[in-house]
Amino acid sequence: MSNAASIAIAWLAVAGVFGIYLVSVLRRTKAAAKLVPADRSRWMTTDAEPTKGEPS
């Protein structure tokens, strides 16, 4: 195996690991977002009254 092939395989392996990590983080983030109650989702409560502790 040539040096170029070894380097290409190493880059592909690293990119694959980062890709798998990215997918796992996105899946966990989506699952965690579903656990937040609707009245506590700050980006969704523009028309709602402020909850306790938030400025009015």
PDB file of N, CA and C in Angstrom:
ATOM      1  N   MET A   1       0.859  -1.167   0.000  1.00  0.00           N
ATOM      2  CA  MET A   1       0.000   0.000   0.000  1.00  0.00           C
ATOM      3  C   MET A   1       0.907   1.233   0.000  1.00  0.00           C
ATOM      4  N   SER A   2       0.550   2.182  -0.821  1.00  0.00           N
ATOM      5  CA  SER A   2       1.377   3.385  -0.932  1.00  0.00           C
ATOM      6  C   SER A   2       1.094   4.344   0.223  1.00  0.00           C
ATOM      7  N   ASN A   3       1.981   5.301   0.375  1.00  0.00           N
ATOM      8  CA  ASN A   3       1.797   6.309   1.420  1.00  0.00           C
ATOM      9  C   ASN A   3       0.524   7.119   1.191  1.00  0.00           C
ATOM     10  N   ALA A   4       0.239   7.445  -0.054  1.00  0.00           N
ATOM     11  CA  ALA A   4      -0.962   8.236  -0.365  1.00  0.00           C
ATOM     12  C   ALA A   4      -2.223   7.472   0.019  1.00  0.00           C
ATOM     13  N   ALA A   5      -2.234   6.178  -0.244  1.00  0.00           N
ATOM     14  CA  ALA A   5      -3.401   5.370   0.119  1.00  0.00           C
ATOM     15  C   ALA A   5      -3.566   5.291   1.636  1.00  0.00           C
ATOM     16  N   SER A   6      -2.469   5.145   2.348  1.00  0.00           N
ATOM     17  CA  SER A   6      -2.531   5.096   3.806  1.00  0.00           C
ATOM     18  C   SER A   6      -3.064   6.409   4.375  1.00  0.00           C
ATOM     19  N   ILE A   7      -2.614   7.512   3.825  1.00  0.00           N
ATOM     20  CA  ILE A   7      -3.067   8.822   4.282  1.00  0.00           C
ATOM     21  C   ILE A   7      -4.544   9.006   3.966  1.00  0.00           C
ATOM     22  N   ALA A   8      -4.965   8.602   2.774  1.00  0.00           N
ATOM     23  CA  ALA A   8      -6.373   8.725   2.392  1.00  0.00           C
ATOM     24  C   ALA A   8      -7.264   7.875   3.298  1.00  0.00           C
ATOM     25  N   ILE A   9      -6.832   6.667   3.617  1.00  0.00           N
ATOM     26  CA  ILE A   9      -7.606   5.798   4.498  1.00  0.00           C
ATOM     27  C   ILE A   9      -7.703   6.408   5.894  1.00  0.00           C
ATOM     28  N   ALA A  10      -6.606   6.976   6.379  1.00  0.00           N
ATOM     29  CA  ALA A  10      -6.624   7.606   7.693  1.00  0.00           C
ATOM     30  C   ALA A  10      -7.586   8.791   7.711  1.00  0.00           C
ATOM     31  N   TRP A  11      -7.559   9.627   6.675  1.00  0.00           N
ATOM     32  CA  TRP A  11      -8.481  10.772   6.597  1.00  0.00           C
ATOM     33  C   TRP A  11      -9.931  10.300   6.535  1.00  0.00           C
ATOM     34  N   LEU A  12     -10.198   9.260   5.766  1.00  0.00           N
ATOM     35  CA  LEU A  12     -11.553   8.729   5.679  1.00  0.00           C
ATOM     36  C   LEU A  12     -12.013   8.157   7.023  1.00  0.00           C
ATOM     37  N   ALA A  13     -11.109   7.509   7.735  1.00  0.00           N
ATOM     38  CA  ALA A  13     -11.463   6.963   9.038  1.00  0.00           C
ATOM     39  C   ALA A  13     -11.800   8.087  10.014  1.00  0.00           C
ATOM     40  N   VAL A  14     -10.989   9.129  10.017  1.00  0.00           N
ATOM     41  CA  VAL A  14     -11.248  10.264  10.911  1.00  0.00           C
ATOM     42  C   VAL A  14     -12.559  10.941  10.538  1.00  0.00           C
ATOM     43  N   ALA A  15     -12.800  11.149   9.249  1.00  0.00           N
ATOM     44  CA  ALA A  15     -14.052  11.763   8.804  1.00  0.00           C
ATOM     45  C   ALA A  15     -15.244  10.887   9.186  1.00  0.00           C
ATOM     46  N   GLY A  16     -15.089   9.579   9.084  1.00  0.00           N
ATOM     47  CA  GLY A  16     -16.161   8.665   9.474  1.00  0.00           C
ATOM     48  C   GLY A  16     -16.472   8.744  10.958  1.00  0.00           C
ATOM     49  N   VAL A  17     -15.432   8.822  11.772  1.00  0.00           N
ATOM     50  CA  VAL A  17     -15.641   8.930  13.220  1.00  0.00           C
ATOM     51  C   VAL A  17     -16.355  10.241  13.550  1.00  0.00           C
ATOM     52  N   PHE A  18     -15.917  11.341  12.941  1.00  0.00           N
ATOM     53  CA  PHE A  18     -16.588  12.618  13.172  1.00  0.00           C
ATOM     54  C   PHE A  18     -18.033  12.582  12.679  1.00  0.00           C
ATOM     55  N   GLY A  19     -18.282  11.934  11.566  1.00  0.00           N
ATOM     56  CA  GLY A  19     -19.641  11.818  11.053  1.00  0.00           C
ATOM     57  C   GLY A  19     -20.537  11.037  11.986  1.00  0.00           C
ATOM     58  N   ILE A  20     -20.027   9.932  12.504  1.00  0.00           N
ATOM     59  CA  ILE A  20     -20.807   9.127  13.460  1.00  0.00           C
ATOM     60  C   ILE A  20     -21.076   9.932  14.721  1.00  0.00           C
ATOM     61  N   TYR A  21     -20.077  10.665  15.199  1.00  0.00           N
ATOM     62  CA  TYR A  21     -20.255  11.496  16.387  1.00  0.00           C
ATOM     63  C   TYR A  21     -21.302  12.583  16.132  1.00  0.00           C
ATOM     64  N   LEU A  22     -21.250  13.209  14.972  1.00  0.00           N
ATOM     65  CA  LEU A  22     -22.215  14.251  14.624  1.00  0.00           C
ATOM     66  C   LEU A  22     -23.636  13.703  14.624  1.00  0.00           C
ATOM     67  N   VAL A  23     -23.834  12.559  14.015  1.00  0.00           N
ATOM     68  CA  VAL A  23     -25.167  11.953  13.969  1.00  0.00           C
ATOM     69  C   VAL A  23     -25.648  11.613  15.375  1.00  0.00           C
ATOM     70  N   SER A  24     -24.763  11.088  16.220  1.00  0.00           N
ATOM     71  CA  SER A  24     -25.185  10.739  17.576  1.00  0.00           C
ATOM     72  C   SER A  24     -25.542  11.981  18.378  1.00  0.00           C
ATOM     73  N   VAL A  25     -24.792  13.067  18.230  1.00  0.00           N
ATOM     74  CA  VAL A  25     -25.099  14.305  18.952  1.00  0.00           C
ATOM     75  C   VAL A  25     -26.428  14.876  18.477  1.00  0.00           C
ATOM     76  N   LEU A  26     -26.664  14.880  17.180  1.00  0.00           N
ATOM     77  CA  LEU A  26     -27.924  15.404  16.662  1.00  0.00           C
ATOM     78  C   LEU A  26     -29.115  14.577  17.128  1.00  0.00           C
ATOM     79  N   ARG A  27     -28.960  13.271  17.182  1.00  0.00           N
ATOM     80  CA  ARG A  27     -30.049  12.412  17.650  1.00  0.00           C
ATOM     81  C   ARG A  27     -30.331  12.644  19.123  1.00  0.00           C
ATOM     82  N   ARG A  28     -29.265  12.768  19.945  1.00  0.00           N
ATOM     83  CA  ARG A  28     -29.468  13.024  21.373  1.00  0.00           C
ATOM     84  C   ARG A  28     -30.090  14.398  21.601  1.00  0.00           C
ATOM     85  N   THR A  29     -29.682  15.386  20.815  1.00  0.00           N
ATOM     86  CA  THR A  29     -30.243  16.729  20.952  1.00  0.00           C
ATOM     87  C   THR A  29     -31.721  16.735  20.622  1.00  0.00           C
ATOM     88  N   LYS A  30     -32.095  16.044  19.560  1.00  0.00           N
ATOM     89  CA  LYS A  30     -33.501  15.979  19.182  1.00  0.00           C
ATOM     90  C   LYS A  30     -34.319  15.269  20.251  1.00  0.00           C
ATOM     91  N   ALA A  31     -33.774  14.202  20.812  1.00  0.00           N
ATOM     92  CA  ALA A  31     -34.488  13.475  21.868  1.00  0.00           C
ATOM     93  C   ALA A  31     -34.613  14.339  23.120  1.00  0.00           C
ATOM     94  N   ALA A  32     -33.568  15.086  23.463  1.00  0.00           N
ATOM     95  CA  ALA A  32     -33.620  15.939  24.650  1.00  0.00           C
ATOM     96  C   ALA A  32     -34.603  17.081  24.449  1.00  0.00           C
ATOM     97  N   ALA A  33     -34.692  17.614  23.236  1.00  0.00           N
ATOM     98  CA  ALA A  33     -35.622  18.709  22.967  1.00  0.00           C
ATOM     99  C   ALA A  33     -37.068  18.261  23.139  1.00  0.00           C
ATOM    100  N   LYS A  34     -37.353  17.012  22.879  1.00  0.00           N
ATOM    101  CA  LYS A  34     -38.715  16.500  23.051  1.00  0.00           C
ATOM    102  C   LYS A  34     -39.100  16.391  24.525  1.00  0.00           C
ATOM    103  N   LEU A  35     -38.114  16.343  25.429  1.00  0.00           N
ATOM    104  CA  LEU A  35     -38.383  16.219  26.852  1.00  0.00           C
ATOM    105  C   LEU A  35     -38.711  17.556  27.512  1.00  0.00           C
ATOM    106  N   VAL A  36     -38.407  18.659  26.854  1.00  0.00           N
ATOM    107  CA  VAL A  36     -38.657  19.979  27.433  1.00  0.00           C
ATOM    108  C   VAL A  36     -40.139  20.305  27.300  1.00  0.00           C
ATOM    109  N   PRO A  37     -40.785  20.687  28.397  1.00  0.00           N
ATOM    110  CA  PRO A  37     -42.201  21.050  28.321  1.00  0.00           C
ATOM    111  C   PRO A  37     -42.407  22.242  27.389  1.00  0.00           C
ATOM    112  N   ALA A  38     -43.568  22.301  26.769  1.00  0.00           N
ATOM    113  CA  ALA A  38     -43.845  23.351  25.787  1.00  0.00           C
ATOM    114  C   ALA A  38     -43.751  24.742  26.394  1.00  0.00           C
ATOM    115  N   ASP A  39     -44.144  24.881  27.655  1.00  0.00           N
ATOM    116  CA  ASP A  39     -44.100  26.216  28.261  1.00  0.00           C
ATOM    117  C   ASP A  39     -42.687  26.626  28.676  1.00  0.00           C
ATOM    118  N   ARG A  40     -41.732  25.717  28.611  1.00  0.00           N
ATOM    119  CA  ARG A  40     -40.349  26.042  28.957  1.00  0.00           C
ATOM    120  C   ARG A  40     -39.459  26.173  27.737  1.00  0.00           C
ATOM    121  N   SER A  41     -39.973  25.936  26.559  1.00  0.00           N
ATOM    122  CA  SER A  41     -39.194  26.084  25.328  1.00  0.00           C
ATOM    123  C   SER A  41     -39.119  27.565  24.986  1.00  0.00           C
ATOM    124  N   ARG A  42     -38.038  28.200  25.325  1.00  0.00           N
ATOM    125  CA  ARG A  42     -37.918  29.641  25.195  1.00  0.00           C
ATOM    126  C   ARG A  42     -38.105  30.125  23.769  1.00  0.00           C
ATOM    127  N   TRP A  43     -37.634  29.379  22.811  1.00  0.00           N
ATOM    128  CA  TRP A  43     -37.754  29.795  21.421  1.00  0.00           C
ATOM    129  C   TRP A  43     -39.172  29.616  20.880  1.00  0.00           C
ATOM    130  N   MET A  44     -40.023  28.976  21.674  1.00  0.00           N
ATOM    131  CA  MET A  44     -41.393  28.732  21.248  1.00  0.00           C
ATOM    132  C   MET A  44     -42.398  29.597  22.006  1.00  0.00           C
ATOM    133  N   THR A  45     -41.967  30.386  22.994  1.00  0.00           N
ATOM    134  CA  THR A  45     -42.897  31.073  23.882  1.00  0.00           C
ATOM    135  C   THR A  45     -42.915  32.582  23.645  1.00  0.00           C
ATOM    136  N   THR A  46     -42.889  33.020  22.411  1.00  0.00           N
ATOM    137  CA  THR A  46     -42.856  34.449  22.146  1.00  0.00           C
ATOM    138  C   THR A  46     -44.165  35.129  22.521  1.00  0.00           C
ATOM    139  N   ASP A  47     -45.282  34.433  22.417  1.00  0.00           N
ATOM    140  CA  ASP A  47     -46.578  35.022  22.719  1.00  0.00           C
ATOM    141  C   ASP A  47     -47.062  34.682  24.133  1.00  0.00           C
ATOM    142  N   ALA A  48     -46.378  33.804  24.813  1.00  0.00           N
ATOM    143  CA  ALA A  48     -46.824  33.372  26.137  1.00  0.00           C
ATOM    144  C   ALA A  48     -46.382  34.380  27.194  1.00  0.00           C
ATOM    145  N   GLU A  49     -47.038  34.300  28.323  1.00  0.00           N
ATOM    146  CA  GLU A  49     -46.646  35.156  29.441  1.00  0.00           C
ATOM    147  C   GLU A  49     -45.316  34.650  29.990  1.00  0.00           C
ATOM    148  N   PRO A  50     -44.482  35.551  30.496  1.00  0.00           N
ATOM    149  CA  PRO A  50     -43.203  35.102  31.045  1.00  0.00           C
ATOM    150  C   PRO A  50     -43.403  34.194  32.252  1.00  0.00           C
ATOM    151  N   THR A  51     -42.572  33.186  32.375  1.00  0.00           N
ATOM    152  CA  THR A  51     -42.669  32.294  33.525  1.00  0.00           C
ATOM    153  C   THR A  51     -41.855  32.880  34.673  1.00  0.00           C
ATOM    154  N   LYS A  52     -41.999  32.268  35.818  1.00  0.00           N
ATOM    155  CA  LYS A  52     -41.326  32.751  37.024  1.00  0.00           C
ATOM    156  C   LYS A  52     -39.810  32.806  36.793  1.00  0.00           C
ATOM    157  N   GLY A  53     -39.221  33.917  37.151  1.00  0.00           N
ATOM    158  CA  GLY A  53     -37.778  34.069  37.001  1.00  0.00           C
ATOM    159  C   GLY A  53     -37.360  34.753  35.713  1.00  0.00           C
ATOM    160  N   GLU A  54     -38.255  34.881  34.761  1.00  0.00           N
ATOM    161  CA  GLU A  54     -37.924  35.547  33.499  1.00  0.00           C
ATOM    162  C   GLU A  54     -38.360  36.998  33.563  1.00  0.00           C
ATOM    163  N   PRO A  55     -37.611  37.889  32.952  1.00  0.00           N
ATOM    164  CA  PRO A  55     -38.011  39.305  32.947  1.00  0.00           C
ATOM    165  C   PRO A  55     -39.293  39.507  32.150  1.00  0.00           C
ATOM    166  N   SER A  56     -40.078  40.484  32.564  1.00  0.00           N
ATOM    167  CA  SER A  56     -41.342  40.738  31.879  1.00  0.00           C
ATOM    168  C   SER A  56     -41.203  41.815  30.832  1.00  0.00           C
TER     169      SER A  56
END
